[in-house]
Amino acid sequence: MKAMRAKAGSIFIPLKSLPSSEPSGLVFLSIQPMGKQAASLKKKIIPMQSSAGRCFRTGRPYASPNSKTDPKHYGKADLVSGYHTENMLNYPLKQGAEVVGVLQLLNKEDSERYADDDIPIVERLAVGLAPKVSGFVRAPENLEILGIMPERDAEYATVMFCDLTRSSALFQELNVSAAIQHINEYLEKTCDIGLTYGATVDKYIGDGVLLRFNVPRPVKDHPFKAVTAALEMKAAFEKLKSEWITMGEPLVGLYTRIGIAYGVKRSLVIHNTNT
């Protein structure tokens, strides 16, 4: 700004839902000077139809000696901030062939106006700027610092719910201590199998347990491992039930129930299956 005698300046970066998607607009990486007028624009989205957006889309610099009569100038930003843009120069910041941002200089000092003659000078001054901007925008955590929440690639998880059907029969046929012992034995065997396949115990719910795969610890092939674990859990329960019946306990009508859900995190639907 000092070299180009600009009264104000900004660096814009693209706002994208995903790294590979087209930008829906531009946001401010930096505004100088940072006064009340700039603060009112800090979190605003500048549309791609603006002068800076045109510069980003075309990859070509653009000078506007008279912004008031320039139909390409996006005057609504001035209305929001109260700043009066008289003239401007937009320069694309490129990393290789990719445009990673736009440098915008506003209102040249001493009543002069930016014109095409200024573009070669900005080109020499901006050589080291593009790599820094590129490195910044490629780190999602940096965008979050600016208050921009980029959409990350969808993360999938598998959730499993296991419980006993007719567990009230345990308390009807056995004393309380024995019934609780049976439930604990069932949950212990079920969880041991789940943990072997990478599950995390979410919570215990009476005679049941909720297990998570790939949340928070990553588990490769978690849907397959969850199904495999479920089959082993069923076999382990049948063996356990057989032992209880062999010991003379009237628990023939007792069964385990296992439900598995797979999908994007926080968007799972559980399907129960009696086994």
C-alpha atoms as a PDB file:
ATOM      1  CA  MET A   1       0.000   0.000   0.000  1.00  0.00           C
ATOM      2  CA  LYS A   2       2.800   2.407   0.843  1.00  0.00           C
ATOM      3  CA  ALA A   3       4.652   1.732  -2.402  1.00  0.00           C
ATOM      4  CA  MET A   4       1.472   2.161  -4.448  1.00  0.00           C
ATOM      5  CA  ARG A   5       0.299   5.105  -2.332  1.00  0.00           C
ATOM      6  CA  ALA A   6      -3.008   3.430  -1.547  1.00  0.00           C
ATOM      7  CA  LYS A   7      -5.237   4.871   1.175  1.00  0.00           C
ATOM      8  CA  ALA A   8      -6.819   1.469   1.764  1.00  0.00           C
ATOM      9  CA  GLY A   9      -6.246  -2.110   0.702  1.00  0.00           C
ATOM     10  CA  SER A  10      -7.573  -5.633   1.063  1.00  0.00           C
ATOM     11  CA  ILE A  11      -6.686  -9.212   0.317  1.00  0.00           C
ATOM     12  CA  PHE A  12      -9.612 -11.418  -0.686  1.00  0.00           C
ATOM     13  CA  ILE A  13      -9.689 -15.193  -0.587  1.00  0.00           C
ATOM     14  CA  PRO A  14     -12.355 -17.534  -2.055  1.00  0.00           C
ATOM     15  CA  LEU A  15     -15.189 -18.915   0.047  1.00  0.00           C
ATOM     16  CA  LYS A  16     -15.660 -22.574  -0.922  1.00  0.00           C
ATOM     17  CA  SER A  17     -17.855 -25.349   0.440  1.00  0.00           C
ATOM     18  CA  LEU A  18     -15.214 -27.933  -0.492  1.00  0.00           C
ATOM     19  CA  PRO A  19     -11.651 -27.479  -1.798  1.00  0.00           C
ATOM     20  CA  SER A  20     -12.654 -28.671  -5.290  1.00  0.00           C
ATOM     21  CA  SER A  21     -15.842 -26.594  -5.552  1.00  0.00           C
ATOM     22  CA  GLU A  22     -16.353 -23.235  -7.229  1.00  0.00           C
ATOM     23  CA  PRO A  23     -16.244 -20.270  -4.825  1.00  0.00           C
ATOM     24  CA  SER A  24     -19.591 -18.800  -3.815  1.00  0.00           C
ATOM     25  CA  GLY A  25     -17.946 -15.460  -3.114  1.00  0.00           C
ATOM     26  CA  LEU A  26     -14.888 -13.776  -1.659  1.00  0.00           C
ATOM     27  CA  VAL A  27     -14.099 -13.006   1.962  1.00  0.00           C
ATOM     28  CA  PHE A  28     -11.529 -10.693   3.515  1.00  0.00           C
ATOM     29  CA  LEU A  29      -8.238 -12.143   4.626  1.00  0.00           C
ATOM     30  CA  SER A  30      -6.999  -8.662   5.478  1.00  0.00           C
ATOM     31  CA  ILE A  31      -8.306  -5.082   5.436  1.00  0.00           C
ATOM     32  CA  GLN A  32      -6.137  -2.033   6.009  1.00  0.00           C
ATOM     33  CA  PRO A  33      -6.471   0.328   7.728  1.00  0.00           C
ATOM     34  CA  MET A  34      -8.524  -1.686  10.215  1.00  0.00           C
ATOM     35  CA  GLY A  35     -10.931   0.918  11.564  1.00  0.00           C
ATOM     36  CA  LYS A  36     -14.670   0.876  12.216  1.00  0.00           C
ATOM     37  CA  GLN A  37     -15.425   0.992   8.495  1.00  0.00           C
ATOM     38  CA  ALA A  38     -13.280  -2.066   7.824  1.00  0.00           C
ATOM     39  CA  ALA A  39     -14.672  -3.925  10.843  1.00  0.00           C
ATOM     40  CA  SER A  40     -18.193  -3.679   9.403  1.00  0.00           C
ATOM     41  CA  LEU A  41     -17.012  -5.552   6.303  1.00  0.00           C
ATOM     42  CA  LYS A  42     -14.726  -8.114   7.948  1.00  0.00           C
ATOM     43  CA  LYS A  43     -17.243 -10.996   7.903  1.00  0.00           C
ATOM     44  CA  LYS A  44     -19.154  -9.940   4.777  1.00  0.00           C
ATOM     45  CA  ILE A  45     -19.177 -12.035   1.599  1.00  0.00           C
ATOM     46  CA  ILE A  46     -18.284 -10.155  -1.573  1.00  0.00           C
ATOM     47  CA  PRO A  47     -20.077 -11.658  -4.606  1.00  0.00           C
ATOM     48  CA  MET A  48     -18.229 -12.963  -7.633  1.00  0.00           C
ATOM     49  CA  GLN A  49     -19.962 -10.285  -9.758  1.00  0.00           C
ATOM     50  CA  SER A  50     -17.849  -7.606  -8.056  1.00  0.00           C
ATOM     51  CA  SER A  51     -14.622  -6.141  -9.453  1.00  0.00           C
ATOM     52  CA  ALA A  52     -12.564  -8.378  -7.146  1.00  0.00           C
ATOM     53  CA  GLY A  53     -14.686 -11.391  -8.123  1.00  0.00           C
ATOM     54  CA  ARG A  54     -14.179 -10.664 -11.815  1.00  0.00           C
ATOM     55  CA  CYS A  55     -10.434 -10.424 -11.213  1.00  0.00           C
ATOM     56  CA  PHE A  56     -10.475 -13.771  -9.402  1.00  0.00           C
ATOM     57  CA  ARG A  57     -12.557 -15.526 -12.065  1.00  0.00           C
ATOM     58  CA  THR A  58     -10.623 -14.227 -15.061  1.00  0.00           C
ATOM     59  CA  GLY A  59      -7.173 -14.199 -13.480  1.00  0.00           C
ATOM     60  CA  ARG A  60      -6.549 -10.788 -15.035  1.00  0.00           C
ATOM     61  CA  PRO A  61      -5.725  -7.526 -13.222  1.00  0.00           C
ATOM     62  CA  TYR A  62      -8.261  -4.750 -13.429  1.00  0.00           C
ATOM     63  CA  ALA A  63      -7.822  -1.010 -12.855  1.00  0.00           C
ATOM     64  CA  SER A  64     -10.770   1.327 -12.381  1.00  0.00           C
ATOM     65  CA  PRO A  65      -9.819   5.029 -12.568  1.00  0.00           C
ATOM     66  CA  ASN A  66     -13.345   6.120 -11.651  1.00  0.00           C
ATOM     67  CA  SER A  67     -15.261   3.652  -9.525  1.00  0.00           C
ATOM     68  CA  LYS A  68     -18.337   5.860  -9.279  1.00  0.00           C
ATOM     69  CA  THR A  69     -19.020   5.543 -12.997  1.00  0.00           C
ATOM     70  CA  ASP A  70     -17.682   1.996 -13.322  1.00  0.00           C
ATOM     71  CA  PRO A  71     -20.615  -0.456 -13.748  1.00  0.00           C
ATOM     72  CA  LYS A  72     -18.365  -3.288 -12.545  1.00  0.00           C
ATOM     73  CA  HIS A  73     -17.832  -1.682  -9.145  1.00  0.00           C
ATOM     74  CA  TYR A  74     -19.775  -3.332  -6.314  1.00  0.00           C
ATOM     75  CA  GLY A  75     -21.045  -0.240  -4.549  1.00  0.00           C
ATOM     76  CA  LYS A  76     -23.002  -2.099  -1.856  1.00  0.00           C
ATOM     77  CA  ALA A  77     -19.822  -2.676   0.136  1.00  0.00           C
ATOM     78  CA  ASP A  78     -19.424   1.114   0.347  1.00  0.00           C
ATOM     79  CA  LEU A  79     -23.008   1.410   1.560  1.00  0.00           C
ATOM     80  CA  VAL A  80     -22.348  -1.053   4.378  1.00  0.00           C
ATOM     81  CA  SER A  81     -19.005   0.396   5.467  1.00  0.00           C
ATOM     82  CA  GLY A  82     -19.568   4.070   4.722  1.00  0.00           C
ATOM     83  CA  TYR A  83     -16.271   4.149   2.828  1.00  0.00           C
ATOM     84  CA  HIS A  84     -16.161   6.060  -0.466  1.00  0.00           C
ATOM     85  CA  THR A  85     -14.263   4.239  -3.186  1.00  0.00           C
ATOM     86  CA  GLU A  86     -13.007   6.675  -5.816  1.00  0.00           C
ATOM     87  CA  ASN A  87     -10.656   4.431  -7.792  1.00  0.00           C
ATOM     88  CA  MET A  88      -9.179   0.948  -7.416  1.00  0.00           C
ATOM     89  CA  LEU A  89      -6.765  -1.634  -8.700  1.00  0.00           C
ATOM     90  CA  ASN A  90      -7.440  -5.387  -8.461  1.00  0.00           C
ATOM     91  CA  TYR A  91      -4.576  -7.810  -8.935  1.00  0.00           C
ATOM     92  CA  PRO A  92      -4.902 -11.638  -8.991  1.00  0.00           C
ATOM     93  CA  LEU A  93      -2.569 -13.530  -6.683  1.00  0.00           C
ATOM     94  CA  LYS A  94      -1.483 -16.689  -8.469  1.00  0.00           C
ATOM     95  CA  GLN A  95       0.306 -19.784  -7.269  1.00  0.00           C
ATOM     96  CA  GLY A  96       1.316 -21.371 -10.526  1.00  0.00           C
ATOM     97  CA  ALA A  97      -1.765 -21.234 -12.744  1.00  0.00           C
ATOM     98  CA  GLU A  98      -4.188 -21.135  -9.810  1.00  0.00           C
ATOM     99  CA  VAL A  99      -5.656 -17.882  -8.526  1.00  0.00           C
ATOM    100  CA  VAL A 100      -5.560 -18.077  -4.722  1.00  0.00           C
ATOM    101  CA  GLY A 101      -6.641 -14.546  -3.880  1.00  0.00           C
ATOM    102  CA  VAL A 102      -7.027 -10.966  -4.993  1.00  0.00           C
ATOM    103  CA  LEU A 103      -5.109  -7.895  -3.876  1.00  0.00           C
ATOM    104  CA  GLN A 104      -7.245  -4.762  -4.011  1.00  0.00           C
ATOM    105  CA  LEU A 105      -5.868  -1.224  -3.613  1.00  0.00           C
ATOM    106  CA  LEU A 106      -8.218   1.716  -3.144  1.00  0.00           C
ATOM    107  CA  ASN A 107      -8.034   5.504  -3.629  1.00  0.00           C
ATOM    108  CA  LYS A 108      -4.588   6.526  -4.763  1.00  0.00           C
ATOM    109  CA  GLU A 109      -3.187   9.426  -2.767  1.00  0.00           C
ATOM    110  CA  ASP A 110      -2.752  13.030  -3.949  1.00  0.00           C
ATOM    111  CA  SER A 111      -5.947  12.935  -6.026  1.00  0.00           C
ATOM    112  CA  GLU A 112      -4.326  10.581  -8.525  1.00  0.00           C
ATOM    113  CA  ARG A 113      -6.149   7.567  -9.921  1.00  0.00           C
ATOM    114  CA  TYR A 114      -5.156   3.985 -10.496  1.00  0.00           C
ATOM    115  CA  ALA A 115      -4.808   3.025 -14.145  1.00  0.00           C
ATOM    116  CA  ASP A 116      -3.374   0.240 -16.287  1.00  0.00           C
ATOM    117  CA  ASP A 117       0.091   1.799 -15.981  1.00  0.00           C
ATOM    118  CA  ASP A 118       0.155   0.787 -12.319  1.00  0.00           C
ATOM    119  CA  ILE A 119      -0.344  -2.916 -13.024  1.00  0.00           C
ATOM    120  CA  PRO A 120       3.313  -3.782 -13.850  1.00  0.00           C
ATOM    121  CA  ILE A 121       4.438  -2.111 -10.613  1.00  0.00           C
ATOM    122  CA  VAL A 122       1.964  -4.132  -8.519  1.00  0.00           C
ATOM    123  CA  GLU A 123       3.075  -7.279 -10.343  1.00  0.00           C
ATOM    124  CA  ARG A 124       6.646  -6.813  -9.127  1.00  0.00           C
ATOM    125  CA  LEU A 125       5.559  -6.013  -5.576  1.00  0.00           C
ATOM    126  CA  ALA A 126       3.140  -8.940  -5.248  1.00  0.00           C
ATOM    127  CA  VAL A 127       5.555 -11.723  -6.237  1.00  0.00           C
ATOM    128  CA  GLY A 128       6.086 -12.937  -2.668  1.00  0.00           C
ATOM    129  CA  LEU A 129       2.483 -12.448  -1.576  1.00  0.00           C
ATOM    130  CA  ALA A 130       0.769 -15.260  -3.503  1.00  0.00           C
ATOM    131  CA  PRO A 131       2.724 -18.162  -1.876  1.00  0.00           C
ATOM    132  CA  LYS A 132       1.888 -16.845   1.594  1.00  0.00           C
ATOM    133  CA  VAL A 133      -1.808 -16.508   0.786  1.00  0.00           C
ATOM    134  CA  SER A 134      -1.810 -19.954  -0.825  1.00  0.00           C
ATOM    135  CA  GLY A 135      -0.261 -21.539   2.241  1.00  0.00           C
ATOM    136  CA  PHE A 136      -2.792 -19.833   4.469  1.00  0.00           C
ATOM    137  CA  VAL A 137      -5.973 -20.831   2.620  1.00  0.00           C
ATOM    138  CA  ARG A 138      -4.920 -24.474   2.293  1.00  0.00           C
ATOM    139  CA  ALA A 139      -5.090 -24.951   6.081  1.00  0.00           C
ATOM    140  CA  PRO A 140      -8.750 -25.252   7.258  1.00  0.00           C
ATOM    141  CA  GLU A 141      -7.804 -24.215  10.791  1.00  0.00           C
ATOM    142  CA  ASN A 142      -6.591 -20.857   9.464  1.00  0.00           C
ATOM    143  CA  LEU A 143      -9.970 -20.214   7.836  1.00  0.00           C
ATOM    144  CA  GLU A 144     -11.680 -21.024  11.122  1.00  0.00           C
ATOM    145  CA  ILE A 145      -9.568 -18.350  12.789  1.00  0.00           C
ATOM    146  CA  LEU A 146     -11.139 -15.876  10.365  1.00  0.00           C
ATOM    147  CA  GLY A 147     -14.579 -17.112  11.359  1.00  0.00           C
ATOM    148  CA  ILE A 148     -15.042 -19.135   8.164  1.00  0.00           C
ATOM    149  CA  MET A 149     -16.249 -22.682   8.739  1.00  0.00           C
ATOM    150  CA  PRO A 150     -15.263 -24.706   5.675  1.00  0.00           C
ATOM    151  CA  GLU A 151     -17.292 -27.811   4.946  1.00  0.00           C
ATOM    152  CA  ARG A 152     -15.098 -30.820   5.370  1.00  0.00           C
ATOM    153  CA  ASP A 153     -15.375 -34.071   3.515  1.00  0.00           C
ATOM    154  CA  ALA A 154     -18.180 -36.162   4.976  1.00  0.00           C
ATOM    155  CA  GLU A 155     -17.065 -38.358   7.877  1.00  0.00           C
ATOM    156  CA  TYR A 156     -18.870 -41.666   8.292  1.00  0.00           C
ATOM    157  CA  ALA A 157     -19.440 -43.729  11.384  1.00  0.00           C
ATOM    158  CA  THR A 158     -21.148 -46.921  12.487  1.00  0.00           C
ATOM    159  CA  VAL A 159     -23.245 -47.128  15.635  1.00  0.00           C
ATOM    160  CA  MET A 160     -24.374 -50.340  17.318  1.00  0.00           C
ATOM    161  CA  PHE A 161     -27.016 -50.818  20.011  1.00  0.00           C
ATOM    162  CA  CYS A 162     -27.285 -54.106  21.917  1.00  0.00           C
ATOM    163  CA  ASP A 163     -29.725 -55.105  24.623  1.00  0.00           C
ATOM    164  CA  LEU A 164     -31.725 -57.998  26.016  1.00  0.00           C
ATOM    165  CA  THR A 165     -35.366 -58.671  25.183  1.00  0.00           C
ATOM    166  CA  ARG A 166     -37.665 -59.693  28.048  1.00  0.00           C
ATOM    167  CA  SER A 167     -34.893 -58.973  30.537  1.00  0.00           C
ATOM    168  CA  SER A 168     -37.651 -58.524  33.117  1.00  0.00           C
ATOM    169  CA  ALA A 169     -37.805 -62.333  33.104  1.00  0.00           C
ATOM    170  CA  LEU A 170     -34.432 -62.326  34.824  1.00  0.00           C
ATOM    171  CA  PHE A 171     -35.921 -60.514  37.798  1.00  0.00           C
ATOM    172  CA  GLN A 172     -39.078 -62.611  37.720  1.00  0.00           C
ATOM    173  CA  GLU A 173     -37.269 -65.949  37.729  1.00  0.00           C
ATOM    174  CA  LEU A 174     -34.120 -65.036  39.699  1.00  0.00           C
ATOM    175  CA  ASN A 175     -33.324 -62.958  42.745  1.00  0.00           C
ATOM    176  CA  VAL A 176     -32.058 -59.397  42.197  1.00  0.00           C
ATOM    177  CA  SER A 177     -28.374 -60.204  42.748  1.00  0.00           C
ATOM    178  CA  ALA A 178     -28.428 -63.098  40.274  1.00  0.00           C
ATOM    179  CA  ALA A 179     -30.337 -61.064  37.670  1.00  0.00           C
ATOM    180  CA  ILE A 180     -27.836 -58.196  37.855  1.00  0.00           C
ATOM    181  CA  GLN A 181     -24.967 -60.683  37.657  1.00  0.00           C
ATOM    182  CA  HIS A 182     -26.437 -62.127  34.446  1.00  0.00           C
ATOM    183  CA  ILE A 183     -26.850 -58.679  32.878  1.00  0.00           C
ATOM    184  CA  ASN A 184     -23.292 -57.717  33.794  1.00  0.00           C
ATOM    185  CA  GLU A 185     -21.983 -60.958  32.310  1.00  0.00           C
ATOM    186  CA  TYR A 186     -23.909 -60.311  29.093  1.00  0.00           C
ATOM    187  CA  LEU A 187     -22.675 -56.710  28.800  1.00  0.00           C
ATOM    188  CA  GLU A 188     -19.099 -57.717  29.595  1.00  0.00           C
ATOM    189  CA  LYS A 189     -18.972 -60.336  26.840  1.00  0.00           C
ATOM    190  CA  THR A 190     -20.736 -58.035  24.356  1.00  0.00           C
ATOM    191  CA  CYS A 191     -18.405 -55.099  25.016  1.00  0.00           C
ATOM    192  CA  ASP A 192     -15.279 -57.239  24.973  1.00  0.00           C
ATOM    193  CA  ILE A 193     -16.151 -58.365  21.450  1.00  0.00           C
ATOM    194  CA  GLY A 194     -16.974 -54.825  20.350  1.00  0.00           C
ATOM    195  CA  LEU A 195     -13.719 -53.445  21.751  1.00  0.00           C
ATOM    196  CA  THR A 196     -11.793 -56.172  19.948  1.00  0.00           C
ATOM    197  CA  TYR A 197     -13.115 -54.752  16.672  1.00  0.00           C
ATOM    198  CA  GLY A 198     -12.237 -51.162  17.542  1.00  0.00           C
ATOM    199  CA  ALA A 199     -15.533 -49.986  19.051  1.00  0.00           C
ATOM    200  CA  THR A 200     -15.808 -47.322  21.737  1.00  0.00           C
ATOM    201  CA  VAL A 201     -18.408 -47.632  24.493  1.00  0.00           C
ATOM    202  CA  ASP A 202     -20.728 -44.636  24.263  1.00  0.00           C
ATOM    203  CA  LYS A 203     -23.032 -45.439  27.177  1.00  0.00           C
ATOM    204  CA  TYR A 204     -24.736 -48.216  29.105  1.00  0.00           C
ATOM    205  CA  ILE A 205     -28.536 -48.126  29.085  1.00  0.00           C
ATOM    206  CA  GLY A 206     -29.989 -50.545  31.628  1.00  0.00           C
ATOM    207  CA  ASP A 207     -29.557 -53.980  30.070  1.00  0.00           C
ATOM    208  CA  GLY A 208     -28.085 -52.492  26.867  1.00  0.00           C
ATOM    209  CA  VAL A 209     -25.055 -50.683  25.543  1.00  0.00           C
ATOM    210  CA  LEU A 210     -24.393 -48.207  22.735  1.00  0.00           C
ATOM    211  CA  LEU A 211     -21.135 -48.724  20.823  1.00  0.00           C
ATOM    212  CA  ARG A 212     -19.461 -46.411  18.284  1.00  0.00           C
ATOM    213  CA  PHE A 213     -17.110 -47.381  15.457  1.00  0.00           C
ATOM    214  CA  ASN A 214     -14.831 -44.771  13.817  1.00  0.00           C
ATOM    215  CA  VAL A 215     -15.884 -42.199  16.418  1.00  0.00           C
ATOM    216  CA  PRO A 216     -13.706 -40.753  17.832  1.00  0.00           C
ATOM    217  CA  ARG A 217     -10.945 -43.213  16.972  1.00  0.00           C
ATOM    218  CA  PRO A 218     -10.655 -44.067  13.264  1.00  0.00           C
ATOM    219  CA  VAL A 219     -11.485 -47.697  12.450  1.00  0.00           C
ATOM    220  CA  LYS A 220     -10.759 -49.052   8.997  1.00  0.00           C
ATOM    221  CA  ASP A 221     -13.695 -50.874   7.347  1.00  0.00           C
ATOM    222  CA  HIS A 222     -15.842 -50.055  10.381  1.00  0.00           C
ATOM    223  CA  PRO A 223     -19.206 -51.151   8.864  1.00  0.00           C
ATOM    224  CA  PHE A 224     -17.809 -54.608   8.096  1.00  0.00           C
ATOM    225  CA  LYS A 225     -16.203 -54.871  11.532  1.00  0.00           C
ATOM    226  CA  ALA A 226     -19.435 -53.860  13.235  1.00  0.00           C
ATOM    227  CA  VAL A 227     -21.397 -56.568  11.410  1.00  0.00           C
ATOM    228  CA  THR A 228     -18.704 -59.150  12.142  1.00  0.00           C
ATOM    229  CA  ALA A 229     -18.742 -58.139  15.804  1.00  0.00           C
ATOM    230  CA  ALA A 230     -22.550 -58.431  15.877  1.00  0.00           C
ATOM    231  CA  LEU A 231     -22.410 -62.015  14.615  1.00  0.00           C
ATOM    232  CA  GLU A 232     -19.830 -62.913  17.260  1.00  0.00           C
ATOM    233  CA  MET A 233     -21.941 -61.191  19.925  1.00  0.00           C
ATOM    234  CA  LYS A 234     -24.949 -63.269  18.897  1.00  0.00           C
ATOM    235  CA  ALA A 235     -22.914 -66.493  19.091  1.00  0.00           C
ATOM    236  CA  ALA A 236     -21.476 -65.473  22.474  1.00  0.00           C
ATOM    237  CA  PHE A 237     -24.954 -64.756  23.819  1.00  0.00           C
ATOM    238  CA  GLU A 238     -26.315 -68.100  22.606  1.00  0.00           C
ATOM    239  CA  LYS A 239     -23.468 -69.876  24.404  1.00  0.00           C
ATOM    240  CA  LEU A 240     -24.077 -67.828  27.542  1.00  0.00           C
ATOM    241  CA  LYS A 241     -27.818 -68.511  27.410  1.00  0.00           C
ATOM    242  CA  SER A 242     -27.150 -72.221  26.935  1.00  0.00           C
ATOM    243  CA  GLU A 243     -24.993 -72.217  30.061  1.00  0.00           C
ATOM    244  CA  TRP A 244     -27.729 -70.479  32.076  1.00  0.00           C
ATOM    245  CA  ILE A 245     -30.336 -73.004  30.901  1.00  0.00           C
ATOM    246  CA  THR A 246     -27.973 -75.892  31.603  1.00  0.00           C
ATOM    247  CA  MET A 247     -27.681 -74.587  35.168  1.00  0.00           C
ATOM    248  CA  GLY A 248     -31.442 -75.000  35.454  1.00  0.00           C
ATOM    249  CA  GLU A 249     -32.508 -71.382  34.997  1.00  0.00           C
ATOM    250  CA  PRO A 250     -35.836 -70.924  33.087  1.00  0.00           C
ATOM    251  CA  LEU A 251     -34.560 -68.350  30.551  1.00  0.00           C
ATOM    252  CA  VAL A 252     -35.560 -69.951  27.228  1.00  0.00           C
ATOM    253  CA  GLY A 253     -37.477 -66.823  26.150  1.00  0.00           C
ATOM    254  CA  LEU A 254     -34.523 -64.477  26.674  1.00  0.00           C
ATOM    255  CA  TYR A 255     -32.883 -63.063  23.521  1.00  0.00           C
ATOM    256  CA  THR A 256     -30.384 -60.434  22.512  1.00  0.00           C
ATOM    257  CA  ARG A 257     -31.246 -57.621  20.142  1.00  0.00           C
ATOM    258  CA  ILE A 258     -28.656 -55.838  17.980  1.00  0.00           C
ATOM    259  CA  GLY A 259     -29.170 -52.746  15.836  1.00  0.00           C
ATOM    260  CA  ILE A 260     -26.561 -51.256  13.484  1.00  0.00           C
ATOM    261  CA  ALA A 261     -26.584 -47.879  11.762  1.00  0.00           C
ATOM    262  CA  TYR A 262     -24.094 -46.526   9.226  1.00  0.00           C
ATOM    263  CA  GLY A 263     -23.903 -43.034   7.774  1.00  0.00           C
ATOM    264  CA  VAL A 264     -22.595 -39.504   8.120  1.00  0.00           C
ATOM    265  CA  LYS A 265     -21.850 -38.577  11.708  1.00  0.00           C
ATOM    266  CA  ARG A 266     -24.861 -37.043  13.497  1.00  0.00           C
ATOM    267  CA  SER A 267     -27.118 -38.306  10.692  1.00  0.00           C
ATOM    268  CA  LEU A 268     -27.524 -41.957  11.592  1.00  0.00           C
ATOM    269  CA  VAL A 269     -30.710 -44.021  11.653  1.00  0.00           C
ATOM    270  CA  ILE A 270     -30.647 -47.195  13.714  1.00  0.00           C
ATOM    271  CA  HIS A 271     -32.283 -50.338  12.373  1.00  0.00           C
ATOM    272  CA  ASN A 272     -32.987 -52.987  15.028  1.00  0.00           C
ATOM    273  CA  THR A 273     -33.006 -56.688  14.336  1.00  0.00           C
ATOM    274  CA  ASN A 274     -34.089 -59.351  16.813  1.00  0.00           C
ATOM    275  CA  THR A 275     -31.605 -62.207  16.929  1.00  0.00           C
END
